[in-house]
C-alpha atoms as a PDB file:
ATOM      1  CA  MET A   1      -0.114  -0.457  -0.277  1.00  0.00           C
ATOM      2  CA  ALA A   2       1.278   3.521  -0.704  1.00  0.00           C
ATOM      3  CA  HIS A   3       2.036   5.969   1.725  1.00  0.00           C
ATOM      4  CA  PRO A   4       0.091   9.107   1.888  1.00  0.00           C
ATOM      5  CA  VAL A   5       2.875  11.321   1.399  1.00  0.00           C
ATOM      6  CA  ASP A   6       3.900   9.463  -1.399  1.00  0.00           C
ATOM      7  CA  VAL A   7       0.407   9.593  -2.837  1.00  0.00           C
ATOM      8  CA  HIS A   8       0.706  13.519  -2.375  1.00  0.00           C
ATOM      9  CA  VAL A   9       4.096  13.849  -3.682  1.00  0.00           C
ATOM     10  CA  GLY A  10       2.895  11.891  -6.950  1.00  0.00           C
ATOM     11  CA  ARG A  11      -0.368  14.322  -7.685  1.00  0.00           C
ATOM     12  CA  LYS A  12       1.357  16.778  -7.107  1.00  0.00           C
ATOM     13  CA  ILE A  13       4.288  16.374  -9.753  1.00  0.00           C
ATOM     14  CA  ARG A  14       0.961  15.692 -12.405  1.00  0.00           C
ATOM     15  CA  GLN A  15      -0.958  18.698 -10.873  1.00  0.00           C
ATOM     16  CA  ARG A  16       2.811  20.746 -11.752  1.00  0.00           C
ATOM     17  CA  ARG A  17       3.186  18.693 -15.082  1.00  0.00           C
ATOM     18  CA  TRP A  18      -0.428  19.573 -16.491  1.00  0.00           C
ATOM     19  CA  ILE A  19      -0.088  23.128 -15.229  1.00  0.00           C
ATOM     20  CA  ILE A  20       3.330  23.500 -17.428  1.00  0.00           C
ATOM     21  CA  GLY A  21       1.564  21.632 -20.083  1.00  0.00           C
ATOM     22  CA  MET A  22       4.116  18.555 -20.404  1.00  0.00           C
ATOM     23  CA  THR A  23       3.454  14.805 -21.198  1.00  0.00           C
ATOM     24  CA  GLN A  24       4.861  11.941 -18.846  1.00  0.00           C
ATOM     25  CA  GLN A  25       7.100  11.448 -22.099  1.00  0.00           C
ATOM     26  CA  GLN A  26       8.839  14.548 -21.825  1.00  0.00           C
ATOM     27  CA  LEU A  27       8.950  14.923 -18.060  1.00  0.00           C
ATOM     28  CA  ALA A  28      10.668  11.144 -18.088  1.00  0.00           C
ATOM     29  CA  GLU A  29      13.103  12.468 -20.632  1.00  0.00           C
ATOM     30  CA  SER A  30      13.999  15.470 -19.364  1.00  0.00           C
ATOM     31  CA  VAL A  31      14.855  13.641 -15.731  1.00  0.00           C
ATOM     32  CA  GLY A  32      16.447  10.212 -17.673  1.00  0.00           C
ATOM     33  CA  ILE A  33      13.806   7.771 -16.765  1.00  0.00           C
ATOM     34  CA  LYS A  34      11.250   5.928 -18.469  1.00  0.00           C
ATOM     35  CA  PHE A  35       7.817   7.542 -18.635  1.00  0.00           C
ATOM     36  CA  GLN A  36       6.472   4.248 -16.858  1.00  0.00           C
ATOM     37  CA  GLN A  37       8.359   5.560 -13.557  1.00  0.00           C
ATOM     38  CA  ILE A  38       6.818   8.690 -13.575  1.00  0.00           C
ATOM     39  CA  GLN A  39       3.376   7.442 -14.161  1.00  0.00           C
ATOM     40  CA  LYS A  40       4.399   5.090 -10.991  1.00  0.00           C
ATOM     41  CA  TYR A  41       5.430   8.215  -8.922  1.00  0.00           C
ATOM     42  CA  GLU A  42       2.213  10.478  -9.979  1.00  0.00           C
ATOM     43  CA  THR A  43       0.016   7.565  -8.483  1.00  0.00           C
ATOM     44  CA  GLY A  44       2.114   7.358  -5.517  1.00  0.00           C
ATOM     45  CA  MET A  45       3.454   3.384  -6.522  1.00  0.00           C
ATOM     46  CA  ASN A  46       6.429   4.407  -6.344  1.00  0.00           C
ATOM     47  CA  ARG A  47       8.560   6.397  -3.745  1.00  0.00           C
ATOM     48  CA  VAL A  48      10.387   9.919  -5.383  1.00  0.00           C
ATOM     49  CA  SER A  49      13.878   9.945  -4.139  1.00  0.00           C
ATOM     50  CA  ALA A  50      15.717  13.282  -2.816  1.00  0.00           C
ATOM     51  CA  SER A  51      18.050  13.365  -5.963  1.00  0.00           C
ATOM     52  CA  ARG A  52      14.902  12.743  -8.309  1.00  0.00           C
ATOM     53  CA  LEU A  53      12.732  14.941  -7.055  1.00  0.00           C
ATOM     54  CA  TRP A  54      15.066  17.476  -6.837  1.00  0.00           C
ATOM     55  CA  ASP A  55      15.562  16.768 -10.875  1.00  0.00           C
ATOM     56  CA  ILE A  56      11.717  16.709 -11.240  1.00  0.00           C
ATOM     57  CA  ALA A  57      11.596  20.062  -9.652  1.00  0.00           C
ATOM     58  CA  ALA A  58      13.854  21.405 -11.607  1.00  0.00           C
ATOM     59  CA  THR A  59      11.880  20.477 -14.977  1.00  0.00           C
ATOM     60  CA  LEU A  60       9.074  21.603 -13.799  1.00  0.00           C
ATOM     61  CA  GLN A  61       9.666  25.116 -12.840  1.00  0.00           C
ATOM     62  CA  ALA A  62       8.670  24.660  -9.329  1.00  0.00           C
ATOM     63  CA  GLY A  63      10.168  24.673  -5.625  1.00  0.00           C
ATOM     64  CA  ILE A  64      10.762  21.422  -4.048  1.00  0.00           C
ATOM     65  CA  GLU A  65       8.252  22.648  -1.189  1.00  0.00           C
ATOM     66  CA  PHE A  66       5.495  23.235  -3.912  1.00  0.00           C
ATOM     67  CA  PHE A  67       5.339  18.940  -3.934  1.00  0.00           C
ATOM     68  CA  PHE A  68       4.512  19.099  -0.089  1.00  0.00           C
ATOM     69  CA  GLU A  69       1.748  22.163  -0.199  1.00  0.00           C
ATOM     70  CA  GLY A  70      -1.973  21.475   0.890  1.00  0.00           C
ATOM     71  CA  LEU A  71       0.016  18.212   3.090  1.00  0.00           C
ATOM     72  CA  ASP A  72      -1.580  18.289   6.007  1.00  0.00           C
ATOM     73  CA  ARG A  73       0.803  17.023   8.322  1.00  0.00           C
ATOM     74  CA  ASP A  74      -1.517  15.798  11.575  1.00  0.00           C
ATOM     75  CA  GLN A  75      -3.114  13.605   8.594  1.00  0.00           C
ATOM     76  CA  PRO A  76      -0.883  13.074   5.804  1.00  0.00           C
ATOM     77  CA  GLY A  77      -3.903  10.635   3.931  1.00  0.00           C
ATOM     78  CA  THR A  78      -5.380  14.564   3.176  1.00  0.00           C
ATOM     79  CA  THR A  79      -5.452  17.470   1.224  1.00  0.00           C
ATOM     80  CA  ASN A  80      -6.546  21.148   1.238  1.00  0.00           C
ATOM     81  CA  ASP A  81      -5.359  21.403  -2.196  1.00  0.00           C
ATOM     82  CA  PRO A  82      -7.757  23.185  -4.689  1.00  0.00           C
ATOM     83  CA  LEU A  83      -5.985  22.391  -7.676  1.00  0.00           C
ATOM     84  CA  ALA A  84      -6.091  18.599  -7.276  1.00  0.00           C
ATOM     85  CA  SER A  85      -8.120  17.737  -9.769  1.00  0.00           C
ATOM     86  CA  LYS A  86      -7.293  17.597 -13.715  1.00  0.00           C
ATOM     87  CA  GLU A  87     -10.636  19.827 -14.449  1.00  0.00           C
ATOM     88  CA  ALA A  88      -9.123  22.549 -11.977  1.00  0.00           C
ATOM     89  CA  ILE A  89      -6.198  22.958 -14.204  1.00  0.00           C
ATOM     90  CA  ASP A  90      -7.988  22.554 -17.685  1.00  0.00           C
ATOM     91  CA  LEU A  91     -10.055  25.409 -16.173  1.00  0.00           C
ATOM     92  CA  LEU A  92      -6.675  27.356 -15.246  1.00  0.00           C
ATOM     93  CA  HIS A  93      -5.314  26.859 -19.048  1.00  0.00           C
ATOM     94  CA  ALA A  94      -9.058  28.030 -20.489  1.00  0.00           C
ATOM     95  CA  TYR A  95      -9.367  31.307 -18.515  1.00  0.00           C
ATOM     96  CA  TYR A  96      -5.787  32.224 -19.177  1.00  0.00           C
ATOM     97  CA  ALA A  97      -6.592  30.980 -22.994  1.00  0.00           C
ATOM     98  CA  ILE A  98      -9.107  34.582 -22.314  1.00  0.00           C
ATOM     99  CA  PRO A  99      -8.638  37.730 -23.861  1.00  0.00           C
ATOM    100  CA  GLU A 100      -7.173  40.162 -20.687  1.00  0.00           C
ATOM    101  CA  ALA A 101     -10.281  42.246 -20.493  1.00  0.00           C
ATOM    102  CA  GLN A 102     -12.932  39.907 -20.887  1.00  0.00           C
ATOM    103  CA  ARG A 103     -10.703  37.682 -18.377  1.00  0.00           C
ATOM    104  CA  ARG A 104     -10.939  40.544 -15.626  1.00  0.00           C
ATOM    105  CA  ARG A 105     -14.357  41.003 -16.128  1.00  0.00           C
ATOM    106  CA  LEU A 106     -15.264  37.070 -16.174  1.00  0.00           C
ATOM    107  CA  PHE A 107     -13.103  37.511 -12.682  1.00  0.00           C
ATOM    108  CA  ASP A 108     -15.307  39.816 -11.476  1.00  0.00           C
ATOM    109  CA  LEU A 109     -18.496  38.258 -12.013  1.00  0.00           C
ATOM    110  CA  ALA A 110     -16.920  35.335 -10.192  1.00  0.00           C
ATOM    111  CA  ARG A 111     -16.290  36.838  -7.303  1.00  0.00           C
ATOM    112  CA  VAL A 112     -19.758  38.367  -7.460  1.00  0.00           C
ATOM    113  CA  LEU A 113     -21.404  35.170  -7.551  1.00  0.00           C
ATOM    114  CA  SER A 114     -18.798  34.113  -4.897  1.00  0.00           C
ATOM    115  CA  ASP A 115     -20.028  36.851  -2.444  1.00  0.00           C
ATOM    116  CA  ALA A 116     -23.820  36.320  -3.606  1.00  0.00           C
ATOM    117  CA  ALA A 117     -23.304  32.051  -2.652  1.00  0.00           C
END
């Protein structure tokens, strides 16, 4: 059974990879491993060593701390990360594809709707 911290770190690797639009194959090639190993990291099936996480962080242009953000020290199996799903990442990509002036208006609308909820 995978350790909850390994699962969390794997999810954060996948999340960051999605954010920057990188494939598992591209990440694997960049750090010198097979893409199947990236799959195992992302599911938490395999634990990521410190040196490998260092290489992955550099490739994904993220600080090491990014991979531990949202991890609850008291309950490592839980997360409070609102960007943990692919849907959230897809929404961010769509949002930033909108021209800036329209994006600001959409953001203002979202704020008004959330305040009214």
